[in-house]
Amino acid sequence: MYVFAVLLLIGLVIAKIVDLGKDWDLPGWFRLGAALVLGLVAAYAFDFDMFAAWGLSLRGSMGTFATGLVFGAMASAWHEFLDLVAGIERKTTDEALQMEMKAGPKAA
């Protein structure tokens, strides 16, 4: 269970690091590639193998490599989820503003 929490949180950190370049208007494939590379860097930096933690053995450092890819994929999933939440928030806020504009100013 802790392994899944680590995957979620490190994926969120990687997603937010990749989002730092949002102002540069990078294409989606570049952001995905950056997330995968940062996931691999994080997995090797922490020497983390999620498969070994679950009792599965992979040859050599393939477990760490696969964990890095999962970190990057989790960052991509976080990015899409956070975009969904932001879109819902924008839609809700804009509709409320339009309804207030239609009603006109209120007398006190």
C-alpha atoms as a PDB file:
ATOM      1  CA  MET A   1       0.000   0.000   0.000  1.00  0.00           C
ATOM      2  CA  TYR A   2       2.869   2.379   0.773  1.00  0.00           C
ATOM      3  CA  VAL A   3       4.398   1.668  -2.615  1.00  0.00           C
ATOM      4  CA  PHE A   4       1.255   2.914  -4.349  1.00  0.00           C
ATOM      5  CA  ALA A   5       1.287   6.082  -2.219  1.00  0.00           C
ATOM      6  CA  VAL A   6       4.926   6.675  -3.154  1.00  0.00           C
ATOM      7  CA  LEU A   7       4.043   6.233  -6.840  1.00  0.00           C
ATOM      8  CA  LEU A   8       1.196   8.732  -6.568  1.00  0.00           C
ATOM      9  CA  LEU A   9       3.178  11.365  -4.709  1.00  0.00           C
ATOM     10  CA  ILE A  10       6.349  11.152  -6.797  1.00  0.00           C
ATOM     11  CA  GLY A  11       4.176  11.229  -9.911  1.00  0.00           C
ATOM     12  CA  LEU A  12       2.521  14.408  -8.629  1.00  0.00           C
ATOM     13  CA  VAL A  13       5.907  16.011  -7.939  1.00  0.00           C
ATOM     14  CA  ILE A  14       7.125  15.145 -11.434  1.00  0.00           C
ATOM     15  CA  ALA A  15       3.889  16.481 -12.962  1.00  0.00           C
ATOM     16  CA  LYS A  16       4.319  19.810 -11.198  1.00  0.00           C
ATOM     17  CA  ILE A  17       7.995  20.025 -12.205  1.00  0.00           C
ATOM     18  CA  VAL A  18       7.000  19.475 -15.838  1.00  0.00           C
ATOM     19  CA  ASP A  19       4.256  22.100 -15.415  1.00  0.00           C
ATOM     20  CA  LEU A  20       6.927  24.681 -14.613  1.00  0.00           C
ATOM     21  CA  GLY A  21       7.528  24.815 -18.373  1.00  0.00           C
ATOM     22  CA  LYS A  22       3.855  25.495 -19.117  1.00  0.00           C
ATOM     23  CA  ASP A  23       4.606  29.122 -20.066  1.00  0.00           C
ATOM     24  CA  TRP A  24       6.845  27.959 -22.943  1.00  0.00           C
ATOM     25  CA  ASP A  25       3.868  26.377 -24.756  1.00  0.00           C
ATOM     26  CA  LEU A  26       5.581  23.031 -25.282  1.00  0.00           C
ATOM     27  CA  PRO A  27       3.882  20.296 -27.328  1.00  0.00           C
ATOM     28  CA  GLY A  28       2.241  17.405 -25.515  1.00  0.00           C
ATOM     29  CA  TRP A  29       4.769  14.805 -26.700  1.00  0.00           C
ATOM     30  CA  PHE A  30       7.593  16.881 -25.230  1.00  0.00           C
ATOM     31  CA  ARG A  31       5.895  17.134 -21.841  1.00  0.00           C
ATOM     32  CA  LEU A  32       5.289  13.375 -21.842  1.00  0.00           C
ATOM     33  CA  GLY A  33       8.921  12.738 -22.759  1.00  0.00           C
ATOM     34  CA  ALA A  34      10.098  15.099 -20.025  1.00  0.00           C
ATOM     35  CA  ALA A  35       7.881  13.307 -17.499  1.00  0.00           C
ATOM     36  CA  LEU A  36       9.274   9.908 -18.515  1.00  0.00           C
ATOM     37  CA  VAL A  37      12.868  11.129 -18.321  1.00  0.00           C
ATOM     38  CA  LEU A  38      12.269  12.742 -14.917  1.00  0.00           C
ATOM     39  CA  GLY A  39      10.579   9.523 -13.775  1.00  0.00           C
ATOM     40  CA  LEU A  40      13.637   7.507 -14.766  1.00  0.00           C
ATOM     41  CA  VAL A  41      15.927  10.001 -13.029  1.00  0.00           C
ATOM     42  CA  ALA A  42      13.822   9.843  -9.867  1.00  0.00           C
ATOM     43  CA  ALA A  43      13.706   6.039  -9.830  1.00  0.00           C
ATOM     44  CA  TYR A  44      17.466   5.716 -10.223  1.00  0.00           C
ATOM     45  CA  ALA A  45      18.178   8.579  -7.802  1.00  0.00           C
ATOM     46  CA  PHE A  46      16.041   6.965  -5.099  1.00  0.00           C
ATOM     47  CA  ASP A  47      17.106   3.463  -6.171  1.00  0.00           C
ATOM     48  CA  PHE A  48      13.448   2.509  -5.958  1.00  0.00           C
ATOM     49  CA  ASP A  49      12.048  -0.710  -7.412  1.00  0.00           C
ATOM     50  CA  MET A  50       8.304  -1.023  -6.896  1.00  0.00           C
ATOM     51  CA  PHE A  51       8.305  -4.574  -8.228  1.00  0.00           C
ATOM     52  CA  ALA A  52      10.802  -5.728  -5.592  1.00  0.00           C
ATOM     53  CA  ALA A  53       8.649  -4.068  -2.940  1.00  0.00           C
ATOM     54  CA  TRP A  54       5.709  -6.172  -4.159  1.00  0.00           C
ATOM     55  CA  GLY A  55       7.797  -9.348  -4.133  1.00  0.00           C
ATOM     56  CA  LEU A  56       8.326  -9.574  -7.895  1.00  0.00           C
ATOM     57  CA  SER A  57      11.833  -9.961  -9.237  1.00  0.00           C
ATOM     58  CA  LEU A  58      13.019  -8.546 -12.527  1.00  0.00           C
ATOM     59  CA  ARG A  59      16.431  -9.091 -14.061  1.00  0.00           C
ATOM     60  CA  GLY A  60      19.160  -6.570 -13.212  1.00  0.00           C
ATOM     61  CA  SER A  61      18.015  -2.999 -13.012  1.00  0.00           C
ATOM     62  CA  MET A  62      14.915  -3.584 -15.122  1.00  0.00           C
ATOM     63  CA  GLY A  63      12.741  -3.146 -12.040  1.00  0.00           C
ATOM     64  CA  THR A  64      14.115   0.336 -11.429  1.00  0.00           C
ATOM     65  CA  PHE A  65      13.801   1.182 -15.124  1.00  0.00           C
ATOM     66  CA  ALA A  66      10.173   0.014 -15.229  1.00  0.00           C
ATOM     67  CA  THR A  67       9.463   1.929 -12.015  1.00  0.00           C
ATOM     68  CA  GLY A  68      10.831   5.076 -13.652  1.00  0.00           C
ATOM     69  CA  LEU A  69       8.488   4.594 -16.587  1.00  0.00           C
ATOM     70  CA  VAL A  70       5.591   4.136 -14.166  1.00  0.00           C
ATOM     71  CA  PHE A  71       6.606   7.367 -12.392  1.00  0.00           C
ATOM     72  CA  GLY A  72       6.466   9.198 -15.722  1.00  0.00           C
ATOM     73  CA  ALA A  73       3.140   7.627 -16.645  1.00  0.00           C
ATOM     74  CA  MET A  74       1.733   8.548 -13.240  1.00  0.00           C
ATOM     75  CA  ALA A  75       2.902  12.140 -13.785  1.00  0.00           C
ATOM     76  CA  SER A  76       1.083  12.183 -17.116  1.00  0.00           C
ATOM     77  CA  ALA A  77      -2.070  10.851 -15.452  1.00  0.00           C
ATOM     78  CA  TRP A  78      -1.800  13.517 -12.732  1.00  0.00           C
ATOM     79  CA  HIS A  79      -1.405  16.179 -15.408  1.00  0.00           C
ATOM     80  CA  GLU A  80      -4.601  15.107 -17.156  1.00  0.00           C
ATOM     81  CA  PHE A  81      -6.518  14.837 -13.868  1.00  0.00           C
ATOM     82  CA  LEU A  82      -5.432  18.305 -12.756  1.00  0.00           C
ATOM     83  CA  ASP A  83      -6.383  19.731 -16.167  1.00  0.00           C
ATOM     84  CA  LEU A  84      -9.826  18.148 -15.773  1.00  0.00           C
ATOM     85  CA  VAL A  85     -10.302  19.703 -12.340  1.00  0.00           C
ATOM     86  CA  ALA A  86      -9.101  23.100 -13.603  1.00  0.00           C
ATOM     87  CA  GLY A  87     -11.493  22.914 -16.554  1.00  0.00           C
ATOM     88  CA  ILE A  88     -14.435  22.125 -14.294  1.00  0.00           C
ATOM     89  CA  GLU A  89     -13.474  25.012 -12.021  1.00  0.00           C
ATOM     90  CA  ARG A  90     -13.199  27.424 -14.968  1.00  0.00           C
ATOM     91  CA  LYS A  91     -16.541  26.303 -16.336  1.00  0.00           C
ATOM     92  CA  THR A  92     -18.238  26.698 -12.979  1.00  0.00           C
ATOM     93  CA  THR A  93     -16.722  30.121 -12.355  1.00  0.00           C
ATOM     94  CA  ASP A  94     -17.521  31.458 -15.818  1.00  0.00           C
ATOM     95  CA  GLU A  95     -21.144  30.302 -15.702  1.00  0.00           C
ATOM     96  CA  ALA A  96     -21.658  31.935 -12.330  1.00  0.00           C
ATOM     97  CA  LEU A  97     -20.201  35.191 -13.651  1.00  0.00           C
ATOM     98  CA  GLN A  98     -22.486  35.125 -16.700  1.00  0.00           C
ATOM     99  CA  MET A  99     -25.561  34.565 -14.526  1.00  0.00           C
ATOM    100  CA  GLU A 100     -24.631  37.552 -12.368  1.00  0.00           C
ATOM    101  CA  MET A 101     -24.139  39.736 -15.448  1.00  0.00           C
ATOM    102  CA  LYS A 102     -27.611  38.816 -16.775  1.00  0.00           C
ATOM    103  CA  ALA A 103     -29.284  39.663 -13.476  1.00  0.00           C
ATOM    104  CA  GLY A 104     -27.747  43.145 -13.455  1.00  0.00           C
ATOM    105  CA  PRO A 105     -26.731  45.186 -10.446  1.00  0.00           C
ATOM    106  CA  LYS A 106     -28.584  44.535  -7.217  1.00  0.00           C
ATOM    107  CA  ALA A 107     -29.916  47.312  -5.044  1.00  0.00           C
ATOM    108  CA  ALA A 108     -28.776  47.306  -1.456  1.00  0.00           C
END
